[in-house]
Full PDB file with SEQRES, HELIX, SHEET, SSBOND, CRYST1, ORIGX, SCALE, CONECT and MASTER records, all heavy atoms in Angstrom:
SEQRES   1 A   30  ASP THR VAL VAL ILE TYR ASP ARG ILE ARG GLU LEU LEU          
SEQRES   2 A   30  ARG ARG TYR LYS ARG MET PRO MET PRO ASP LEU LEU ASN          
SEQRES   3 A   30  ALA SER ILE ASN                                              
HELIX    1 AA1 THR A    2  ARG A   15  1                                  14    
HELIX    2 AA2 MET A   21  ILE A   29  1                                   9    
CRYST1    1.000    1.000    1.000  90.00  90.00  90.00 P 1           1          
ORIGX1      1.000000  0.000000  0.000000        0.00000                         
ORIGX2      0.000000  1.000000  0.000000        0.00000                         
ORIGX3      0.000000  0.000000  1.000000        0.00000                         
SCALE1      1.000000  0.000000  0.000000        0.00000                         
SCALE2      0.000000  1.000000  0.000000        0.00000                         
SCALE3      0.000000  0.000000  1.000000        0.00000                         
ATOM      1  N   ASP A   1       9.260 102.279-106.087  1.00  0.00           N  
ATOM      2  CA  ASP A   1       8.112 102.751-105.442  1.00  0.00           C  
ATOM      3  C   ASP A   1       7.426 103.823-106.142  1.00  0.00           C  
ATOM      4  O   ASP A   1       6.196 104.050-106.196  1.00  0.00           O  
ATOM      5  CB  ASP A   1       8.568 103.222-104.065  1.00  0.00           C  
ATOM      6  CG  ASP A   1       7.279 103.329-103.066  1.00  0.00           C  
ATOM      7  OD1 ASP A   1       6.358 102.710-103.247  1.00  0.00           O  
ATOM      8  OD2 ASP A   1       7.473 104.312-102.151  1.00  0.00           O  
ATOM      9  N   THR A   2       8.285 104.783-106.859  1.00  0.00           N  
ATOM     10  CA  THR A   2       7.728 105.919-107.661  1.00  0.00           C  
ATOM     11  C   THR A   2       7.069 105.381-108.801  1.00  0.00           C  
ATOM     12  O   THR A   2       5.873 105.947-109.160  1.00  0.00           O  
ATOM     13  CB  THR A   2       8.868 106.716-107.946  1.00  0.00           C  
ATOM     14  OG1 THR A   2       9.490 107.284-106.774  1.00  0.00           O  
ATOM     15  CG2 THR A   2       8.370 108.075-108.827  1.00  0.00           C  
ATOM     16  N   VAL A   3       7.547 104.395-109.494  1.00  0.00           N  
ATOM     17  CA  VAL A   3       6.912 103.904-110.786  1.00  0.00           C  
ATOM     18  C   VAL A   3       5.607 103.261-110.345  1.00  0.00           C  
ATOM     19  O   VAL A   3       4.597 103.363-111.145  1.00  0.00           O  
ATOM     20  CB  VAL A   3       7.822 102.806-111.468  1.00  0.00           C  
ATOM     21  CG1 VAL A   3       7.111 102.061-112.472  1.00  0.00           C  
ATOM     22  CG2 VAL A   3       8.985 103.598-112.086  1.00  0.00           C  
ATOM     23  N   VAL A   4       5.488 102.569-109.201  1.00  0.00           N  
ATOM     24  CA  VAL A   4       4.148 102.011-108.864  1.00  0.00           C  
ATOM     25  C   VAL A   4       3.023 103.121-108.777  1.00  0.00           C  
ATOM     26  O   VAL A   4       1.995 102.829-109.185  1.00  0.00           O  
ATOM     27  CB  VAL A   4       4.374 101.250-107.534  1.00  0.00           C  
ATOM     28  CG1 VAL A   4       2.979 100.771-107.037  1.00  0.00           C  
ATOM     29  CG2 VAL A   4       5.085  99.958-107.774  1.00  0.00           C  
ATOM     30  N   ILE A   5       3.432 104.168-108.073  1.00  0.00           N  
ATOM     31  CA  ILE A   5       2.460 105.179-107.972  1.00  0.00           C  
ATOM     32  C   ILE A   5       2.275 105.925-109.232  1.00  0.00           C  
ATOM     33  O   ILE A   5       0.977 106.284-109.637  1.00  0.00           O  
ATOM     34  CB  ILE A   5       3.071 106.230-106.916  1.00  0.00           C  
ATOM     35  CG1 ILE A   5       3.139 105.600-105.530  1.00  0.00           C  
ATOM     36  CG2 ILE A   5       2.036 107.502-106.807  1.00  0.00           C  
ATOM     37  CD1 ILE A   5       3.782 106.609-104.497  1.00  0.00           C  
ATOM     38  N   TYR A   6       3.253 106.181-110.035  1.00  0.00           N  
ATOM     39  CA  TYR A   6       3.036 106.743-111.385  1.00  0.00           C  
ATOM     40  C   TYR A   6       2.287 105.894-112.252  1.00  0.00           C  
ATOM     41  O   TYR A   6       1.508 106.419-113.096  1.00  0.00           O  
ATOM     42  CB  TYR A   6       4.460 106.948-112.076  1.00  0.00           C  
ATOM     43  CG  TYR A   6       5.181 108.293-111.607  1.00  0.00           C  
ATOM     44  CD1 TYR A   6       4.661 109.038-110.746  1.00  0.00           C  
ATOM     45  CD2 TYR A   6       6.412 108.627-112.203  1.00  0.00           C  
ATOM     46  CE1 TYR A   6       5.231 110.196-110.308  1.00  0.00           C  
ATOM     47  CE2 TYR A   6       7.042 109.744-111.821  1.00  0.00           C  
ATOM     48  CZ  TYR A   6       6.503 110.485-110.804  1.00  0.00           C  
ATOM     49  OH  TYR A   6       7.162 111.729-110.550  1.00  0.00           O  
ATOM     50  N   ASP A   7       2.332 104.511-112.150  1.00  0.00           N  
ATOM     51  CA  ASP A   7       1.488 103.733-113.110  1.00  0.00           C  
ATOM     52  C   ASP A   7       0.001 103.914-112.729  1.00  0.00           C  
ATOM     53  O   ASP A   7      -0.909 103.934-113.664  1.00  0.00           O  
ATOM     54  CB  ASP A   7       1.960 102.308-112.925  1.00  0.00           C  
ATOM     55  CG  ASP A   7       1.349 101.391-113.993  1.00  0.00           C  
ATOM     56  OD1 ASP A   7       1.538 101.638-115.123  1.00  0.00           O  
ATOM     57  OD2 ASP A   7       0.604 100.446-113.601  1.00  0.00           O  
ATOM     58  N   ARG A   8      -0.335 103.947-111.349  1.00  0.00           N  
ATOM     59  CA  ARG A   8      -1.751 104.190-111.044  1.00  0.00           C  
ATOM     60  C   ARG A   8      -2.124 105.643-111.501  1.00  0.00           C  
ATOM     61  O   ARG A   8      -3.304 105.827-111.896  1.00  0.00           O  
ATOM     62  CB  ARG A   8      -1.708 104.032-109.459  1.00  0.00           C  
ATOM     63  CG  ARG A   8      -3.241 104.158-108.954  1.00  0.00           C  
ATOM     64  CD  ARG A   8      -4.089 103.194-109.677  1.00  0.00           C  
ATOM     65  NE  ARG A   8      -3.702 101.840-109.465  1.00  0.00           N  
ATOM     66  CZ  ARG A   8      -4.250 101.136-108.487  1.00  0.00           C  
ATOM     67  NH1 ARG A   8      -5.139 101.594-107.591  1.00  0.00           N  
ATOM     68  NH2 ARG A   8      -3.941  99.830-108.337  1.00  0.00           N  
ATOM     69  N   ILE A   9      -1.262 106.611-111.442  1.00  0.00           N  
ATOM     70  CA  ILE A   9      -1.661 107.931-111.770  1.00  0.00           C  
ATOM     71  C   ILE A   9      -2.001 107.975-113.273  1.00  0.00           C  
ATOM     72  O   ILE A   9      -3.047 108.550-113.705  1.00  0.00           O  
ATOM     73  CB  ILE A   9      -0.604 108.939-111.507  1.00  0.00           C  
ATOM     74  CG1 ILE A   9      -0.279 109.129-110.091  1.00  0.00           C  
ATOM     75  CG2 ILE A   9      -0.635 110.277-112.117  1.00  0.00           C  
ATOM     76  CD1 ILE A   9       0.914 109.952-109.619  1.00  0.00           C  
ATOM     77  N   ARG A  10      -1.213 107.236-114.059  1.00  0.00           N  
ATOM     78  CA  ARG A  10      -1.460 107.223-115.504  1.00  0.00           C  
ATOM     79  C   ARG A  10      -2.880 106.594-115.776  1.00  0.00           C  
ATOM     80  O   ARG A  10      -3.552 106.951-116.717  1.00  0.00           O  
ATOM     81  CB  ARG A  10      -0.321 106.516-116.179  1.00  0.00           C  
ATOM     82  CG  ARG A  10      -0.419 106.525-117.734  1.00  0.00           C  
ATOM     83  CD  ARG A  10       0.769 105.843-118.419  1.00  0.00           C  
ATOM     84  NE  ARG A  10       1.041 104.469-117.872  1.00  0.00           N  
ATOM     85  CZ  ARG A  10       1.815 103.637-118.326  1.00  0.00           C  
ATOM     86  NH1 ARG A  10       2.572 104.023-119.465  1.00  0.00           N  
ATOM     87  NH2 ARG A  10       1.879 102.360-118.104  1.00  0.00           N  
ATOM     88  N   GLU A  11      -3.079 105.482-115.028  1.00  0.00           N  
ATOM     89  CA  GLU A  11      -4.331 104.755-115.191  1.00  0.00           C  
ATOM     90  C   GLU A  11      -5.516 105.661-114.923  1.00  0.00           C  
ATOM     91  O   GLU A  11      -6.547 105.625-115.628  1.00  0.00           O  
ATOM     92  CB  GLU A  11      -4.387 103.609-114.374  1.00  0.00           C  
ATOM     93  CG  GLU A  11      -5.625 102.727-114.339  1.00  0.00           C  
ATOM     94  CD  GLU A  11      -5.608 101.578-113.382  1.00  0.00           C  
ATOM     95  OE1 GLU A  11      -4.652 101.337-112.849  1.00  0.00           O  
ATOM     96  OE2 GLU A  11      -6.719 101.104-113.018  1.00  0.00           O  
ATOM     97  N   LEU A  12      -5.463 106.359-113.788  1.00  0.00           N  
ATOM     98  CA  LEU A  12      -6.519 107.276-113.395  1.00  0.00           C  
ATOM     99  C   LEU A  12      -6.633 108.539-114.315  1.00  0.00           C  
ATOM    100  O   LEU A  12      -7.750 108.959-114.533  1.00  0.00           O  
ATOM    101  CB  LEU A  12      -6.356 107.766-111.957  1.00  0.00           C  
ATOM    102  CG  LEU A  12      -6.396 106.530-110.880  1.00  0.00           C  
ATOM    103  CD1 LEU A  12      -6.330 107.248-109.472  1.00  0.00           C  
ATOM    104  CD2 LEU A  12      -7.698 105.762-111.072  1.00  0.00           C  
ATOM    105  N   LEU A  13      -5.544 108.862-114.957  1.00  0.00           N  
ATOM    106  CA  LEU A  13      -5.554 109.969-116.002  1.00  0.00           C  
ATOM    107  C   LEU A  13      -6.473 109.584-117.072  1.00  0.00           C  
ATOM    108  O   LEU A  13      -7.087 110.395-117.718  1.00  0.00           O  
ATOM    109  CB  LEU A  13      -4.130 110.304-116.274  1.00  0.00           C  
ATOM    110  CG  LEU A  13      -3.431 111.312-115.313  1.00  0.00           C  
ATOM    111  CD1 LEU A  13      -2.003 111.366-115.791  1.00  0.00           C  
ATOM    112  CD2 LEU A  13      -3.935 112.653-115.220  1.00  0.00           C  
ATOM    113  N   ARG A  14      -6.329 108.383-117.497  1.00  0.00           N  
ATOM    114  CA  ARG A  14      -7.161 107.892-118.560  1.00  0.00           C  
ATOM    115  C   ARG A  14      -8.598 107.749-118.230  1.00  0.00           C  
ATOM    116  O   ARG A  14      -9.571 107.787-119.205  1.00  0.00           O  
ATOM    117  CB  ARG A  14      -6.669 106.584-119.105  1.00  0.00           C  
ATOM    118  CG  ARG A  14      -5.214 106.657-119.795  1.00  0.00           C  
ATOM    119  CD  ARG A  14      -4.680 105.433-119.973  1.00  0.00           C  
ATOM    120  NE  ARG A  14      -3.426 105.442-120.693  1.00  0.00           N  
ATOM    121  CZ  ARG A  14      -2.533 104.515-120.879  1.00  0.00           C  
ATOM    122  NH1 ARG A  14      -2.894 103.263-120.567  1.00  0.00           N  
ATOM    123  NH2 ARG A  14      -1.361 104.555-121.386  1.00  0.00           N  
ATOM    124  N   ARG A  15      -8.910 107.379-117.009  1.00  0.00           N  
ATOM    125  CA  ARG A  15     -10.232 107.165-116.660  1.00  0.00           C  
ATOM    126  C   ARG A  15     -11.063 108.297-116.217  1.00  0.00           C  
ATOM    127  O   ARG A  15     -12.250 108.461-116.611  1.00  0.00           O  
ATOM    128  CB  ARG A  15     -10.231 106.115-115.365  1.00  0.00           C  
ATOM    129  CG  ARG A  15     -11.582 105.509-115.011  1.00  0.00           C  
ATOM    130  CD  ARG A  15     -11.432 104.776-113.789  1.00  0.00           C  
ATOM    131  NE  ARG A  15     -10.658 103.539-114.070  1.00  0.00           N  
ATOM    132  CZ  ARG A  15     -10.330 102.691-113.183  1.00  0.00           C  
ATOM    133  NH1 ARG A  15     -10.837 102.733-111.946  1.00  0.00           N  
ATOM    134  NH2 ARG A  15      -9.524 101.618-113.445  1.00  0.00           N  
ATOM    135  N   TYR A  16     -10.526 109.179-115.480  1.00  0.00           N  
ATOM    136  CA  TYR A  16     -11.161 110.341-114.946  1.00  0.00           C  
ATOM    137  C   TYR A  16     -10.523 111.677-115.750  1.00  0.00           C  
ATOM    138  O   TYR A  16      -9.464 112.144-115.341  1.00  0.00           O  
ATOM    139  CB  TYR A  16     -10.986 110.605-113.386  1.00  0.00           C  
ATOM    140  CG  TYR A  16     -11.420 109.393-112.678  1.00  0.00           C  
ATOM    141  CD1 TYR A  16     -10.463 108.492-112.116  1.00  0.00           C  
ATOM    142  CD2 TYR A  16     -12.796 108.983-112.643  1.00  0.00           C  
ATOM    143  CE1 TYR A  16     -10.987 107.386-111.432  1.00  0.00           C  
ATOM    144  CE2 TYR A  16     -13.233 107.937-111.906  1.00  0.00           C  
ATOM    145  CZ  TYR A  16     -12.344 107.166-111.214  1.00  0.00           C  
ATOM    146  OH  TYR A  16     -12.720 105.991-110.711  1.00  0.00           O  
ATOM    147  N   LYS A  17     -11.312 112.113-116.658  1.00  0.00           N  
ATOM    148  CA  LYS A  17     -10.705 113.165-117.627  1.00  0.00           C  
ATOM    149  C   LYS A  17     -10.837 114.502-116.960  1.00  0.00           C  
ATOM    150  O   LYS A  17     -10.068 115.400-117.239  1.00  0.00           O  
ATOM    151  CB  LYS A  17     -11.537 113.087-118.767  1.00  0.00           C  
ATOM    152  CG  LYS A  17     -11.576 111.856-119.618  1.00  0.00           C  
ATOM    153  CD  LYS A  17     -10.160 111.565-120.058  1.00  0.00           C  
ATOM    154  CE  LYS A  17     -10.188 110.266-121.007  1.00  0.00           C  
ATOM    155  NZ  LYS A  17      -8.737 109.808-121.482  1.00  0.00           N  
ATOM    156  N   ARG A  18     -11.823 114.726-115.962  1.00  0.00           N  
ATOM    157  CA  ARG A  18     -11.961 116.059-115.415  1.00  0.00           C  
ATOM    158  C   ARG A  18     -11.655 116.126-113.983  1.00  0.00           C  
ATOM    159  O   ARG A  18     -12.086 117.115-113.423  1.00  0.00           O  
ATOM    160  CB  ARG A  18     -13.281 116.617-115.928  1.00  0.00           C  
ATOM    161  CG  ARG A  18     -13.418 116.719-117.401  1.00  0.00           C  
ATOM    162  CD  ARG A  18     -14.716 117.399-117.749  1.00  0.00           C  
ATOM    163  NE  ARG A  18     -14.882 117.609-119.190  1.00  0.00           N  
ATOM    164  CZ  ARG A  18     -15.906 118.180-119.750  1.00  0.00           C  
ATOM    165  NH1 ARG A  18     -16.863 118.519-119.193  1.00  0.00           N  
ATOM    166  NH2 ARG A  18     -15.886 118.124-121.144  1.00  0.00           N  
ATOM    167  N   MET A  19     -11.322 115.031-113.324  1.00  0.00           N  
ATOM    168  CA  MET A  19     -10.949 114.988-111.912  1.00  0.00           C  
ATOM    169  C   MET A  19      -9.810 116.073-111.629  1.00  0.00           C  
ATOM    170  O   MET A  19      -8.796 115.999-112.376  1.00  0.00           O  
ATOM    171  CB  MET A  19     -10.617 113.798-111.310  1.00  0.00           C  
ATOM    172  CG  MET A  19     -10.180 113.757-109.935  1.00  0.00           C  
ATOM    173  SD  MET A  19      -9.841 112.126-109.327  1.00  0.00           S  
ATOM    174  CE  MET A  19     -11.266 111.253-109.428  1.00  0.00           C  
ATOM    175  N   PRO A  20      -9.947 116.992-110.616  1.00  0.00           N  
ATOM    176  CA  PRO A  20      -8.917 117.860-110.343  1.00  0.00           C  
ATOM    177  C   PRO A  20      -7.464 116.998-110.116  1.00  0.00           C  
ATOM    178  O   PRO A  20      -7.600 116.042-109.455  1.00  0.00           O  
ATOM    179  CB  PRO A  20      -9.269 118.701-109.232  1.00  0.00           C  
ATOM    180  CG  PRO A  20     -10.748 118.604-109.290  1.00  0.00           C  
ATOM    181  CD  PRO A  20     -11.004 117.288-109.807  1.00  0.00           C  
ATOM    182  N   MET A  21      -6.431 117.581-110.567  1.00  0.00           N  
ATOM    183  CA  MET A  21      -5.142 116.762-110.409  1.00  0.00           C  
ATOM    184  C   MET A  21      -4.880 116.509-108.950  1.00  0.00           C  
ATOM    185  O   MET A  21      -4.335 115.340-108.756  1.00  0.00           O  
ATOM    186  CB  MET A  21      -3.930 117.638-111.133  1.00  0.00           C  
ATOM    187  CG  MET A  21      -2.816 116.710-111.454  1.00  0.00           C  
ATOM    188  SD  MET A  21      -3.060 115.454-112.459  1.00  0.00           S  
ATOM    189  CE  MET A  21      -1.613 114.522-112.523  1.00  0.00           C  
ATOM    190  N   PRO A  22      -4.983 117.501-108.062  1.00  0.00           N  
ATOM    191  CA  PRO A  22      -4.589 117.075-106.557  1.00  0.00           C  
ATOM    192  C   PRO A  22      -5.473 115.883-106.149  1.00  0.00           C  
ATOM    193  O   PRO A  22      -5.005 114.952-105.478  1.00  0.00           O  
ATOM    194  CB  PRO A  22      -4.861 118.348-105.895  1.00  0.00           C  
ATOM    195  CG  PRO A  22      -4.794 119.483-106.881  1.00  0.00           C  
ATOM    196  CD  PRO A  22      -5.123 118.924-108.115  1.00  0.00           C  
ATOM    197  N   ASP A  23      -6.780 115.905-106.505  1.00  0.00           N  
ATOM    198  CA  ASP A  23      -7.487 114.789-106.110  1.00  0.00           C  
ATOM    199  C   ASP A  23      -7.221 113.473-106.742  1.00  0.00           C  
ATOM    200  O   ASP A  23      -7.151 112.468-106.118  1.00  0.00           O  
ATOM    201  CB  ASP A  23      -9.041 115.103-106.393  1.00  0.00           C  
ATOM    202  CG  ASP A  23      -9.566 116.317-105.571  1.00  0.00           C  
ATOM    203  OD1 ASP A  23      -8.956 116.559-104.652  1.00  0.00           O  
ATOM    204  OD2 ASP A  23     -10.611 116.833-106.112  1.00  0.00           O  
ATOM    205  N   LEU A  24      -6.798 113.521-107.998  1.00  0.00           N  
ATOM    206  CA  LEU A  24      -6.354 112.321-108.674  1.00  0.00           C  
ATOM    207  C   LEU A  24      -5.012 111.817-108.092  1.00  0.00           C  
ATOM    208  O   LEU A  24      -4.941 110.538-107.969  1.00  0.00           O  
ATOM    209  CB  LEU A  24      -6.100 112.669-110.137  1.00  0.00           C  
ATOM    210  CG  LEU A  24      -5.914 111.428-111.081  1.00  0.00           C  
ATOM    211  CD1 LEU A  24      -6.642 111.711-112.418  1.00  0.00           C  
ATOM    212  CD2 LEU A  24      -4.370 111.293-111.288  1.00  0.00           C  
ATOM    213  N   LEU A  25      -4.113 112.569-107.711  1.00  0.00           N  
ATOM    214  CA  LEU A  25      -2.940 112.169-107.093  1.00  0.00           C  
ATOM    215  C   LEU A  25      -3.083 111.586-105.696  1.00  0.00           C  
ATOM    216  O   LEU A  25      -2.666 110.565-105.439  1.00  0.00           O  
ATOM    217  CB  LEU A  25      -1.935 113.270-106.955  1.00  0.00           C  
ATOM    218  CG  LEU A  25      -1.453 113.978-108.260  1.00  0.00           C  
ATOM    219  CD1 LEU A  25      -0.480 115.139-108.000  1.00  0.00           C  
ATOM    220  CD2 LEU A  25      -0.666 112.913-109.055  1.00  0.00           C  
ATOM    221  N   ASN A  26      -4.093 112.178-104.989  1.00  0.00           N  
ATOM    222  CA  ASN A  26      -4.396 111.638-103.641  1.00  0.00           C  
ATOM    223  C   ASN A  26      -5.051 110.180-103.814  1.00  0.00           C  
ATOM    224  O   ASN A  26      -4.748 109.280-103.024  1.00  0.00           O  
ATOM    225  CB  ASN A  26      -5.398 112.491-102.912  1.00  0.00           C  
ATOM    226  CG  ASN A  26      -4.702 113.684-102.417  1.00  0.00           C  
ATOM    227  OD1 ASN A  26      -3.606 113.582-101.701  1.00  0.00           O  
ATOM    228  ND2 ASN A  26      -5.484 114.794-102.280  1.00  0.00           N  
ATOM    229  N   ALA A  27      -5.935 110.086-104.739  1.00  0.00           N  
ATOM    230  CA  ALA A  27      -6.541 108.775-105.035  1.00  0.00           C  
ATOM    231  C   ALA A  27      -5.373 107.738-105.420  1.00  0.00           C  
ATOM    232  O   ALA A  27      -5.580 106.557-104.996  1.00  0.00           O  
ATOM    233  CB  ALA A  27      -7.618 108.861-106.090  1.00  0.00           C  
ATOM    234  N   SER A  28      -4.520 108.083-106.221  1.00  0.00           N  
ATOM    235  CA  SER A  28      -3.453 107.257-106.622  1.00  0.00           C  
ATOM    236  C   SER A  28      -2.616 106.753-105.481  1.00  0.00           C  
ATOM    237  O   SER A  28      -2.278 105.565-105.355  1.00  0.00           O  
ATOM    238  CB  SER A  28      -2.578 107.925-107.727  1.00  0.00           C  
ATOM    239  OG  SER A  28      -3.408 108.175-108.792  1.00  0.00           O  
ATOM    240  N   ILE A  29      -2.210 107.682-104.569  1.00  0.00           N  
ATOM    241  CA  ILE A  29      -1.376 107.319-103.472  1.00  0.00           C  
ATOM    242  C   ILE A  29      -2.126 106.496-102.484  1.00  0.00           C  
ATOM    243  O   ILE A  29      -1.541 105.515-101.945  1.00  0.00           O  
ATOM    244  CB  ILE A  29      -0.820 108.577-102.862  1.00  0.00           C  
ATOM    245  CG1 ILE A  29       0.064 109.399-103.769  1.00  0.00           C  
ATOM    246  CG2 ILE A  29      -0.078 108.245-101.498  1.00  0.00           C  
ATOM    247  CD1 ILE A  29       0.558 110.682-103.225  1.00  0.00           C  
ATOM    248  N   ASN A  30      -3.323 106.700-102.359  1.00  0.00           N  
ATOM    249  CA  ASN A  30      -4.182 105.969-101.274  1.00  0.00           C  
ATOM    250  C   ASN A  30      -4.380 104.577-101.795  1.00  0.00           C  
ATOM    251  O   ASN A  30      -4.492 103.598-101.096  1.00  0.00           O  
ATOM    252  CB  ASN A  30      -5.508 106.720-100.941  1.00  0.00           C  
ATOM    253  CG  ASN A  30      -5.370 107.892-100.137  1.00  0.00           C  
ATOM    254  OD1 ASN A  30      -5.118 107.631 -98.838  1.00  0.00           O  
ATOM    255  ND2 ASN A  30      -5.553 109.083-100.493  1.00  0.00           N  
TER     256      ASN A  30                                                      
MASTER        0    0    0    2    0    0    0    6  255    1    0    3          
END                                                                             
């Protein structure tokens, strides 16, 4: 379950370079 969320986090880290980290984590979990 953690790896699934981490994989989405890594994907969004490459896509959104300046999105605040809390917002990016929320987007990945949702």
